[in-house]
Amino acid sequence: MSDVIDRLPTRLKLAWGTGALGAAVLMNSITILILYYLVSVVRLDPGLAGTLIFIAKLFDVVTDPLMGMISDRARFRSGRRRPFLVAGALLSAISFAMLFTVPQFASQTDTAAYVLGALLLYALGYTIFNVPYMAMPAEMTDGYHERSSLHSYRVVAISIGSAIAGSLAPILLQVFGQGREAYRIIAILFAAIIFASMVYCYFGTREARFTFSAPTTHDARNQVRMLLTNKPFMWLIATKALQLLGIASVGATTLFFVTAYLRIPLANLGVAAIINTIVTVLTMPLFMRLSKRIGKRNGYIVSTIVFVIYCLSWIPSGPDEPLIWYYARAALVGMCLGGNILLANSMLTDTIELDARRSGMRREGLYASMYSFVEKTAGAFGPLLVGWTLQFVGFNRDLPPNAVQEPQVLFGILMGVSVLPACLATLSMVTLSFYRLDQNMLRDAVAEPAMQGAAAVGAERAAVTAPPSGRL
C-alpha cells in the first residue's frame, strides 16, 4: 500500500464533500434566519438576540481547540476523525430543531435561557463534526492540486446546501406564513437533511487514508505557540476572519434587507439562491484553472475583488429597482463565493502540510479547530453588530415584516449588507498579499533544527485503511 496518494477516486471525493451539504444547510439557515426569527417571531429585543448568538460562539474558545487536540490524539479503528462525524451529526440536527421550535414562555428571560441553551448545543455539535471533517483532507491526499479538486466537491455541496437554506426556507415561509408553524416545518425538514448528509459522509469515507499522530512531549500550550509561527497560516486566518465577518453581516441582514428595504416577496430570495448555486457550480472549473495559471493566492484575490463589487452594487438599490438587477447580483456573488471557499480551504490544507514537513507532527485537528474557531467567531460578531445596530437605529419589531421602517433604520440595514462587508473584504486583500506559500515553497520545506527530535513525517504518514465494515 503506497504512502503517497496524489489522486483520489471520485466516489471518495463525493462522499467527503457531501458532509458539507448538511453543514451548509445548518450554518446558512442559522446565519440567514436566526436573528430575524428571534426578533420578528420569538419577539426578543434585537440587541439581546444578537448578544445570545455571540455568547454561544464564545463557547468555541474552549471547544474548538479542545476538539482539535482530541481528534489529533484519538485512536479508533476507523481513524482519528471519522467517528466524531456521527456524534456531531446527531447533536447538530437536534439543536437545529430546538432553535426553530422555541416554546412560548411567560417571560423574555425564560425564552432567552432556552435560546442560549439551544445555541450552545448547536455550537458543540457543529464543532464535533466540523473540526475533524476539515482535518481529513490533509490526511487523504498529498497532491498539491488534488487538494483543490477535493475541496471543489465540498464547494459544490456547500452551494447545494446554501441553495436549500436560501431558497427552500423563504419559499416555505412564503407559503406557510412567517409565523411559528412555518419555522417548525423548516426545523424538522432541515434537521433531517443535516443528519442524513453528515452521516453519509461517515459511511462514504471508510476507504479514506488516515494517519495516527506520533507521541509528542509538547503540551497544548506549546503546540499552539508553534502553530502561531506558521506565517502562511496566520495570514490566511487573518484574511478569512475579515471576510467572514463581512459575510456574517450580510447573512444576518439579508431578511431585513429583502423585507424592509427592498420590500419584495421572500420567494425572490429563493430564486436568487438557485441562480447563485448554478453560477457557483459552473464557475468552479474556471477557478481551478485560474489557480493553476496564476496561483491560489492570486485567484483568491480575484474572487475577493468580485465580492467587493457585489457589495457596493447595493448602494444605489431600492424598492423601485427592476428585479432583474437583484438576480444579476445573485449571479455576481455566485461567481466569487465558490472560488473564495475553494481556494481558501485548499490553501488551509497546504499550510497544514507545511507544518507537518517542518515539525514532524501531524496536527490537522489543531489547525482545523483554529480555522473553525475563526469562522464561528466571525459568524458571531455579525449578528451581534447587526442586532445592536438595529436596536440603536430604532428598528420596530412590532411592525409587519414588509412595513416601511424609519429612514435611519433603512440606512443601518444598508450598511450591514453593503458598506461594512465591502470595507472588510478590501482590508482582507492587504493581509492576503502577505501569504507567500506556493507549490515550490511547500516542496522545498524541510524539518526545522528545533524539531529534529520529533517523529519523522514519513513514519507518521503510513497509510492505514479502515476495515470494510466501517465500525468504530
Protein backbone atom coordinates (compact mmCIF):
# COMPACT_ATOMS: atom_id res chain seq x y z
CA MET A 1 0.00 0.00 0.00
CA SER A 2 1.55 3.32 -1.09
CA ASP A 3 2.35 6.02 1.42
CA VAL A 4 1.85 8.73 -1.19
CA ILE A 5 -1.58 9.44 -2.67
CA ASP A 6 -1.77 12.06 -5.42
CA ARG A 7 -5.17 11.03 -6.82
CA LEU A 8 -8.42 10.14 -5.10
CA PRO A 9 -11.36 8.20 -6.57
CA THR A 10 -14.35 10.34 -7.47
CA ARG A 11 -16.69 8.41 -5.17
CA LEU A 12 -14.46 9.20 -2.19
CA LYS A 13 -14.28 12.90 -3.01
CA LEU A 14 -18.03 12.97 -3.50
CA ALA A 15 -18.70 11.25 -0.18
CA TRP A 16 -16.40 13.57 1.75
CA GLY A 17 -17.80 16.65 0.02
CA THR A 18 -21.38 15.62 0.81
CA GLY A 19 -20.74 16.24 4.51
CA ALA A 20 -20.53 19.94 3.70
CA LEU A 21 -24.10 19.93 2.36
CA GLY A 22 -25.54 19.34 5.82
CA ALA A 23 -23.07 21.76 7.37
CA ALA A 24 -24.07 24.41 4.80
CA VAL A 25 -27.78 23.91 5.49
CA LEU A 26 -27.03 24.22 9.20
CA MET A 27 -24.77 27.28 9.01
CA ASN A 28 -26.60 29.20 6.28
CA SER A 29 -30.06 28.63 7.75
CA ILE A 30 -28.92 29.91 11.11
CA THR A 31 -26.94 32.78 9.60
CA ILE A 32 -29.87 33.95 7.48
CA LEU A 33 -32.83 33.08 9.71
CA ILE A 34 -31.90 33.05 13.37
CA LEU A 35 -31.63 36.78 14.15
CA TYR A 36 -34.72 37.57 12.11
CA TYR A 37 -36.61 34.67 13.70
CA LEU A 38 -35.67 35.61 17.26
CA VAL A 39 -36.59 39.26 16.73
CA SER A 40 -39.68 39.05 14.49
CA VAL A 41 -41.26 35.76 15.66
CA VAL A 42 -39.94 34.99 19.15
CA ARG A 43 -40.02 38.74 19.93
CA LEU A 44 -36.67 39.12 21.64
CA ASP A 45 -35.05 42.55 21.64
CA PRO A 46 -32.59 42.80 18.69
CA GLY A 47 -29.65 43.59 20.97
CA LEU A 48 -30.45 40.68 23.29
CA ALA A 49 -30.85 38.25 20.36
CA GLY A 50 -27.51 39.29 18.87
CA THR A 51 -25.83 39.00 22.27
CA LEU A 52 -27.14 35.46 22.84
CA ILE A 53 -25.73 34.37 19.48
CA PHE A 54 -22.40 35.98 20.34
CA ILE A 55 -22.20 34.35 23.79
CA ALA A 56 -22.81 30.91 22.31
CA LYS A 57 -19.92 31.46 19.90
CA LEU A 58 -17.60 32.36 22.78
CA PHE A 59 -18.15 28.78 23.90
CA ASP A 60 -15.99 27.79 20.94
CA VAL A 61 -12.98 29.47 22.52
CA VAL A 62 -12.69 26.26 24.54
CA THR A 63 -14.42 23.63 22.42
CA ASP A 64 -12.71 24.22 19.05
CA PRO A 65 -9.04 23.87 20.14
CA LEU A 66 -10.02 21.07 22.54
CA MET A 67 -11.82 19.18 19.78
CA GLY A 68 -8.82 19.64 17.51
CA MET A 69 -6.41 18.13 20.02
CA ILE A 70 -8.83 15.32 20.90
CA SER A 71 -9.19 14.30 17.24
CA ASP A 72 -5.40 14.53 16.74
CA ARG A 73 -4.79 12.09 19.60
CA ALA A 74 -7.76 9.76 19.08
CA ARG A 75 -7.16 6.15 18.01
CA PHE A 76 -10.25 4.48 16.60
CA ARG A 77 -10.12 1.54 14.21
CA SER A 78 -11.57 3.82 11.53
CA GLY A 79 -9.10 6.63 12.12
CA ARG A 80 -8.79 9.70 14.28
CA ARG A 81 -11.58 11.76 12.71
CA ARG A 82 -14.50 9.81 11.27
CA PRO A 83 -16.25 8.56 14.44
CA PHE A 84 -16.78 12.15 15.57
CA LEU A 85 -18.79 12.85 12.41
CA VAL A 86 -21.70 10.74 13.67
CA ALA A 87 -21.85 12.38 17.10
CA GLY A 88 -21.64 15.82 15.52
CA ALA A 89 -24.42 14.94 13.07
CA LEU A 90 -26.79 13.92 15.85
CA LEU A 91 -26.18 17.00 18.03
CA SER A 92 -26.34 19.35 15.03
CA ALA A 93 -29.72 18.01 13.90
CA ILE A 94 -31.23 18.08 17.41
CA SER A 95 -30.02 21.60 18.17
CA PHE A 96 -31.27 22.93 14.83
CA ALA A 97 -34.74 21.56 15.52
CA MET A 98 -34.67 23.11 19.00
CA LEU A 99 -33.64 26.54 17.74
CA PHE A 100 -36.58 26.94 15.38
CA THR A 101 -39.23 25.47 17.67
CA VAL A 102 -38.79 27.85 20.61
CA PRO A 103 -41.69 27.38 23.06
CA GLN A 104 -43.77 30.38 24.11
CA PHE A 105 -42.53 31.16 27.61
CA ALA A 106 -44.12 33.56 30.06
CA SER A 107 -41.10 35.87 30.23
CA GLN A 108 -38.33 37.05 27.93
CA THR A 109 -35.79 35.79 30.48
CA ASP A 110 -37.04 32.20 30.19
CA THR A 111 -37.09 32.48 26.42
CA ALA A 112 -33.54 33.81 26.38
CA ALA A 113 -32.36 30.94 28.62
CA TYR A 114 -33.87 28.33 26.28
CA VAL A 115 -32.42 30.01 23.19
CA LEU A 116 -28.97 30.21 24.77
CA GLY A 117 -29.07 26.52 25.70
CA ALA A 118 -30.04 25.53 22.15
CA LEU A 119 -27.33 27.78 20.70
CA LEU A 120 -24.69 26.22 22.96
CA LEU A 121 -25.76 22.72 21.87
CA TYR A 122 -25.60 23.84 18.24
CA ALA A 123 -22.10 25.24 18.73
CA LEU A 124 -20.95 21.98 20.34
CA GLY A 125 -22.50 19.76 17.66
CA TYR A 126 -21.05 21.75 14.81
CA THR A 127 -17.61 21.74 16.44
CA ILE A 128 -17.64 17.96 16.95
CA PHE A 129 -18.48 17.45 13.27
CA ASN A 130 -16.63 20.26 11.52
CA VAL A 131 -13.19 20.21 13.17
CA PRO A 132 -12.44 16.53 12.38
CA TYR A 133 -14.15 16.91 8.99
CA MET A 134 -11.94 19.82 7.95
CA ALA A 135 -8.83 17.97 9.18
CA MET A 136 -9.43 14.95 6.93
CA PRO A 137 -8.18 16.31 3.53
CA ALA A 138 -4.60 16.76 4.77
CA GLU A 139 -4.55 13.02 5.54
CA MET A 140 -6.44 11.88 2.45
CA THR A 141 -4.10 13.16 -0.30
CA ASP A 142 -0.60 14.52 -0.89
CA GLY A 143 -1.35 16.17 -4.26
CA TYR A 144 -0.99 19.96 -4.28
CA HIS A 145 -3.72 20.48 -6.91
CA GLU A 146 -5.64 17.35 -5.87
CA ARG A 147 -6.45 19.21 -2.64
CA SER A 148 -8.17 21.86 -4.74
CA SER A 149 -10.02 19.13 -6.62
CA LEU A 150 -11.15 17.53 -3.35
CA HIS A 151 -12.35 20.86 -2.00
CA SER A 152 -14.20 21.57 -5.25
CA TYR A 153 -16.60 18.75 -4.32
CA ARG A 154 -17.07 20.40 -0.96
CA VAL A 155 -17.81 23.74 -2.62
CA VAL A 156 -20.46 22.16 -4.85
CA ALA A 157 -22.04 20.55 -1.78
CA ILE A 158 -21.90 23.89 0.05
CA SER A 159 -23.59 25.54 -2.93
CA ILE A 160 -26.40 22.99 -2.90
CA GLY A 161 -26.78 23.29 0.88
CA SER A 162 -26.78 27.08 0.62
CA ALA A 163 -29.44 26.87 -2.09
CA ILE A 164 -31.60 24.70 0.16
CA ALA A 165 -31.23 27.16 3.01
CA GLY A 166 -31.53 30.24 0.84
CA SER A 167 -34.35 29.14 -1.46
CA LEU A 168 -36.43 26.47 0.24
CA ALA A 169 -36.66 28.31 3.57
CA PRO A 170 -38.02 31.55 2.05
CA ILE A 171 -40.46 29.58 -0.12
CA LEU A 172 -41.77 27.69 2.91
CA LEU A 173 -42.11 30.97 4.79
CA GLN A 174 -43.97 32.48 1.84
CA VAL A 175 -46.36 29.51 1.58
CA PHE A 176 -47.00 28.82 5.27
CA GLY A 177 -46.72 32.38 6.55
CA GLN A 178 -43.89 33.78 8.62
CA GLY A 179 -45.13 32.51 11.97
CA ARG A 180 -44.07 29.69 14.28
CA GLU A 181 -45.69 26.91 12.25
CA ALA A 182 -43.66 27.75 9.15
CA TYR A 183 -40.42 27.70 11.13
CA ARG A 184 -41.43 24.41 12.76
CA ILE A 185 -41.71 22.84 9.28
CA ILE A 186 -38.28 24.21 8.39
CA ALA A 187 -36.85 22.85 11.65
CA ILE A 188 -38.00 19.28 11.06
CA LEU A 189 -37.19 19.12 7.34
CA PHE A 190 -33.77 20.73 7.57
CA ALA A 191 -32.76 18.73 10.64
CA ALA A 192 -33.36 15.54 8.64
CA ILE A 193 -31.24 16.82 5.74
CA ILE A 194 -28.43 17.84 8.09
CA PHE A 195 -28.33 14.44 9.78
CA ALA A 196 -28.54 12.40 6.57
CA SER A 197 -25.78 14.36 4.83
CA MET A 198 -23.32 14.21 7.73
CA VAL A 199 -23.89 10.52 8.43
CA TYR A 200 -23.46 9.65 4.74
CA CYS A 201 -20.08 11.38 4.87
CA TYR A 202 -19.05 9.00 7.65
CA PHE A 203 -20.04 5.83 5.78
CA GLY A 204 -18.82 7.07 2.40
CA THR A 205 -15.26 7.84 3.59
CA ARG A 206 -14.46 4.48 5.15
CA GLU A 207 -11.84 3.89 2.42
CA ALA A 208 -10.09 7.22 3.02
CA ARG A 209 -6.48 7.12 4.15
CA PHE A 210 -5.90 8.27 7.69
CA THR A 211 -2.86 8.62 9.91
CA PHE A 212 -2.08 8.32 13.59
CA SER A 213 -0.11 11.05 15.29
CA ALA A 214 3.22 10.10 16.86
CA PRO A 215 3.56 10.84 20.59
CA THR A 216 4.96 14.30 21.39
CA THR A 217 6.39 15.87 24.52
CA HIS A 218 4.85 19.24 23.65
CA ASP A 219 1.87 20.23 25.78
CA ALA A 220 -1.18 22.01 24.37
CA ARG A 221 0.19 25.49 25.04
CA ASN A 222 3.46 24.79 23.25
CA GLN A 223 1.65 23.22 20.31
CA VAL A 224 -0.49 26.34 19.89
CA ARG A 225 2.64 28.50 20.21
CA MET A 226 4.32 26.53 17.41
CA LEU A 227 1.19 26.89 15.31
CA LEU A 228 1.46 30.67 15.59
CA THR A 229 4.91 30.53 13.96
CA ASN A 230 3.33 29.23 10.74
CA LYS A 231 3.20 32.60 8.98
CA PRO A 232 1.25 31.49 5.88
CA PHE A 233 -1.43 30.04 8.16
CA MET A 234 -1.63 33.20 10.27
CA TRP A 235 -2.01 35.47 7.23
CA LEU A 236 -4.66 33.13 5.82
CA ILE A 237 -6.54 33.15 9.12
CA ALA A 238 -6.42 36.95 9.30
CA THR A 239 -7.79 37.14 5.76
CA LYS A 240 -10.64 34.73 6.47
CA ALA A 241 -11.54 36.48 9.74
CA LEU A 242 -12.06 39.78 7.93
CA GLN A 243 -14.01 38.26 5.07
CA LEU A 244 -16.18 36.04 7.24
CA LEU A 245 -17.12 38.95 9.47
CA GLY A 246 -18.40 40.77 6.41
CA ILE A 247 -20.22 37.70 5.11
CA ALA A 248 -21.83 37.18 8.53
CA SER A 249 -23.01 40.78 8.48
CA VAL A 250 -24.60 40.21 5.06
CA GLY A 251 -26.23 36.99 6.23
CA ALA A 252 -27.68 38.49 9.40
CA THR A 253 -29.06 41.49 7.48
CA THR A 254 -30.43 39.68 4.42
CA LEU A 255 -34.03 39.04 5.52
CA PHE A 256 -34.33 42.56 6.96
CA PHE A 257 -32.93 43.94 3.70
CA VAL A 258 -35.29 41.95 1.48
CA THR A 259 -38.45 42.60 3.50
CA ALA A 260 -37.94 46.10 4.95
CA TYR A 261 -35.53 47.76 2.47
CA LEU A 262 -36.31 46.26 -0.94
CA ARG A 263 -39.84 45.24 0.14
CA ILE A 264 -40.04 42.27 -2.24
CA PRO A 265 -41.59 38.83 -1.58
CA LEU A 266 -39.34 36.28 0.11
CA ALA A 267 -39.82 33.91 -2.84
CA ASN A 268 -37.44 36.14 -4.82
CA LEU A 269 -34.75 35.30 -2.30
CA GLY A 270 -35.27 31.65 -3.19
CA VAL A 271 -34.88 32.32 -6.92
CA ALA A 272 -31.70 34.29 -6.24
CA ALA A 273 -30.28 31.40 -4.19
CA ILE A 274 -30.86 28.98 -7.07
CA ILE A 275 -29.16 31.34 -9.53
CA ASN A 276 -26.28 31.74 -7.09
CA THR A 277 -25.84 27.96 -6.83
CA ILE A 278 -25.90 27.36 -10.58
CA VAL A 279 -23.31 30.08 -11.24
CA THR A 280 -21.08 28.83 -8.42
CA VAL A 281 -21.03 25.29 -9.82
CA LEU A 282 -20.45 26.47 -13.39
CA THR A 283 -17.54 28.73 -12.45
CA MET A 284 -15.76 26.12 -10.32
CA PRO A 285 -13.66 24.76 -13.24
CA LEU A 286 -12.70 28.35 -14.07
CA PHE A 287 -11.22 28.91 -10.63
CA MET A 288 -9.48 25.55 -10.75
CA ARG A 289 -7.73 26.58 -13.99
CA LEU A 290 -7.13 30.10 -12.71
CA SER A 291 -5.38 28.83 -9.59
CA LYS A 292 -3.07 26.67 -11.70
CA ARG A 293 -2.25 29.56 -14.02
CA ILE A 294 -1.79 32.48 -11.60
CA GLY A 295 -1.55 30.69 -8.24
CA LYS A 296 -4.05 30.05 -5.47
CA ARG A 297 -3.43 33.36 -3.70
CA ASN A 298 -3.96 35.48 -6.81
CA GLY A 299 -7.06 33.52 -7.74
CA TYR A 300 -8.34 34.20 -4.23
CA ILE A 301 -7.71 37.93 -4.69
CA VAL A 302 -9.71 37.91 -7.93
CA SER A 303 -12.70 36.32 -6.18
CA THR A 304 -12.46 38.89 -3.38
CA ILE A 305 -12.49 41.81 -5.83
CA VAL A 306 -15.70 40.45 -7.36
CA PHE A 307 -17.23 40.23 -3.87
CA VAL A 308 -16.38 43.89 -3.17
CA ILE A 309 -18.09 44.92 -6.42
CA TYR A 310 -21.14 42.86 -5.42
CA CYS A 311 -21.42 44.54 -2.01
CA LEU A 312 -21.05 48.08 -3.33
CA SER A 313 -23.63 47.44 -6.04
CA TRP A 314 -26.36 47.52 -3.36
CA ILE A 315 -25.81 51.21 -2.58
CA PRO A 316 -27.97 52.56 -5.45
CA SER A 317 -30.63 49.84 -5.00
CA GLY A 318 -34.17 50.43 -3.76
CA PRO A 319 -37.78 49.17 -3.86
CA ASP A 320 -38.36 50.53 -7.36
CA GLU A 321 -35.37 48.78 -8.91
CA PRO A 322 -36.23 46.09 -11.53
CA LEU A 323 -35.93 42.54 -10.17
CA ILE A 324 -33.51 41.63 -12.95
CA TRP A 325 -30.78 43.59 -11.14
CA TYR A 326 -31.46 41.67 -7.95
CA TYR A 327 -30.96 38.39 -9.82
CA ALA A 328 -27.87 39.75 -11.59
CA ARG A 329 -26.27 40.37 -8.20
CA ALA A 330 -27.07 36.78 -7.22
CA ALA A 331 -25.09 35.63 -10.27
CA LEU A 332 -22.25 38.02 -9.42
CA VAL A 333 -21.85 36.77 -5.86
CA GLY A 334 -22.08 33.18 -7.13
CA MET A 335 -19.04 33.87 -9.30
CA CYS A 336 -16.88 34.82 -6.32
CA LEU A 337 -18.02 32.72 -3.37
CA GLY A 338 -17.17 29.38 -4.98
CA GLY A 339 -13.63 30.50 -5.72
CA ASN A 340 -13.35 32.03 -2.29
CA ILE A 341 -14.27 28.83 -0.45
CA LEU A 342 -12.38 26.52 -2.81
CA LEU A 343 -9.06 28.38 -2.72
CA ALA A 344 -9.15 29.33 0.96
CA ASN A 345 -9.68 25.73 2.05
CA SER A 346 -7.11 24.38 -0.39
CA MET A 347 -4.61 26.91 0.99
CA LEU A 348 -5.50 25.83 4.53
CA THR A 349 -4.58 22.25 3.65
CA ASP A 350 -1.28 23.49 2.22
CA THR A 351 -0.41 25.30 5.46
CA ILE A 352 -1.14 22.11 7.41
CA GLU A 353 1.20 20.16 5.14
CA LEU A 354 3.88 22.84 5.58
CA ASP A 355 3.66 22.46 9.35
CA ALA A 356 3.93 18.66 9.11
CA ARG A 357 7.07 18.88 6.98
CA ARG A 358 8.70 21.39 9.29
CA SER A 359 7.70 20.00 12.67
CA GLY A 360 7.39 16.26 12.06
CA MET A 361 3.95 16.25 13.75
CA ARG A 362 0.50 15.62 12.34
CA ARG A 363 -1.72 18.34 13.81
CA GLU A 364 -4.53 18.59 11.28
CA GLY A 365 -7.15 18.74 14.02
CA LEU A 366 -5.49 21.64 15.81
CA TYR A 367 -5.26 23.64 12.59
CA ALA A 368 -8.83 22.83 11.59
CA SER A 369 -10.03 23.84 15.05
CA MET A 370 -8.33 27.23 14.82
CA TYR A 371 -9.82 27.75 11.38
CA SER A 372 -13.26 26.70 12.61
CA PHE A 373 -12.92 28.95 15.65
CA VAL A 374 -12.23 31.99 13.46
CA GLU A 375 -15.15 31.04 11.19
CA LYS A 376 -17.61 30.82 14.06
CA THR A 377 -16.28 33.85 15.96
CA ALA A 378 -16.70 35.98 12.84
CA GLY A 379 -20.15 34.49 12.44
CA ALA A 380 -20.96 35.57 16.00
CA PHE A 381 -19.82 39.17 15.60
CA GLY A 382 -22.02 39.61 12.51
CA PRO A 383 -25.37 39.12 14.33
CA LEU A 384 -24.01 40.99 17.35
CA LEU A 385 -23.17 44.07 15.27
CA VAL A 386 -26.36 43.90 13.24
CA GLY A 387 -28.56 43.27 16.29
CA TRP A 388 -27.23 46.22 18.26
CA THR A 389 -27.19 48.43 15.15
CA LEU A 390 -30.89 47.72 14.60
CA GLN A 391 -31.61 48.44 18.24
CA PHE A 392 -29.60 51.67 18.11
CA VAL A 393 -31.34 52.99 14.98
CA GLY A 394 -34.77 52.10 16.40
CA PHE A 395 -35.90 49.04 14.45
CA ASN A 396 -39.58 48.47 15.25
CA ARG A 397 -40.04 44.74 15.80
CA ASP A 398 -43.83 45.12 16.17
CA LEU A 399 -44.37 46.23 12.57
CA PRO A 400 -45.22 43.67 9.86
CA PRO A 401 -42.13 42.27 8.07
CA ASN A 402 -42.61 44.34 4.89
CA ALA A 403 -43.69 47.56 6.63
CA VAL A 404 -41.78 50.79 6.00
CA GLN A 405 -39.24 51.45 8.75
CA GLU A 406 -37.74 54.82 9.67
CA PRO A 407 -35.03 56.21 7.30
CA GLN A 408 -32.25 55.70 9.86
CA VAL A 409 -33.27 52.04 10.19
CA LEU A 410 -33.08 51.57 6.44
CA PHE A 411 -29.65 53.23 6.41
CA GLY A 412 -28.42 50.85 9.13
CA ILE A 413 -29.70 47.83 7.16
CA LEU A 414 -27.92 49.06 4.00
CA MET A 415 -24.65 49.46 5.89
CA GLY A 416 -24.86 45.87 7.10
CA VAL A 417 -25.40 44.39 3.65
CA SER A 418 -23.13 46.68 1.62
CA VAL A 419 -20.56 49.11 3.04
CA LEU A 420 -19.32 47.12 6.05
CA PRO A 421 -18.64 43.84 4.18
CA ALA A 422 -17.07 45.75 1.25
CA CYS A 423 -14.63 47.54 3.59
CA LEU A 424 -13.72 44.31 5.40
CA ALA A 425 -13.16 42.42 2.14
CA THR A 426 -10.93 45.22 0.86
CA LEU A 427 -8.86 45.10 4.04
CA SER A 428 -8.59 41.31 3.71
CA MET A 429 -6.74 41.69 0.42
CA VAL A 430 -3.98 43.52 2.31
CA THR A 431 -3.45 40.59 4.70
CA LEU A 432 -3.75 38.12 1.82
CA SER A 433 -0.90 39.87 -0.02
CA PHE A 434 1.49 38.65 2.72
CA TYR A 435 0.60 34.98 2.10
CA ARG A 436 3.62 33.51 0.29
CA LEU A 437 3.13 29.73 0.34
CA ASP A 438 3.16 28.12 -3.12
CA GLN A 439 3.95 24.71 -4.58
CA ASN A 440 7.71 25.32 -4.74
CA MET A 441 7.92 26.54 -1.15
CA LEU A 442 5.94 23.55 0.03
CA ARG A 443 8.11 21.10 -1.93
CA ASP A 444 11.32 22.60 -0.51
CA ALA A 445 10.12 22.67 3.11
CA VAL A 446 12.36 20.66 5.47
CA ALA A 447 12.27 19.88 9.16
CA GLU A 448 13.47 22.77 11.29
CA PRO A 449 16.50 22.11 13.57
CA ALA A 450 14.40 22.63 16.70
CA MET A 451 12.08 19.85 15.57
CA GLN A 452 14.67 17.22 14.74
CA GLY A 453 13.75 15.21 17.81
CA ALA A 454 10.14 14.87 16.66
CA ALA A 455 8.97 11.79 14.81
CA ALA A 456 9.65 11.84 11.08
CA VAL A 457 6.72 12.76 8.91
CA GLY A 458 7.17 9.74 6.70
CA ALA A 459 6.86 7.39 9.64
CA GLU A 460 3.70 9.09 10.82
CA ARG A 461 2.09 9.05 7.41
CA ALA A 462 1.99 5.28 6.98
CA ALA A 463 -1.32 4.70 5.30
CA VAL A 464 -3.96 2.91 7.34
CA THR A 465 -7.27 1.88 5.83
CA ALA A 466 -10.33 1.20 7.98
CA PRO A 467 -11.92 -2.24 7.80
CA PRO A 468 -14.71 -2.54 5.21
CA SER A 469 -17.34 -2.67 7.94
CA GLY A 470 -16.60 0.96 8.86
CA ARG A 471 -17.08 0.20 12.55
CA LEU A 472 -15.54 2.38 15.24
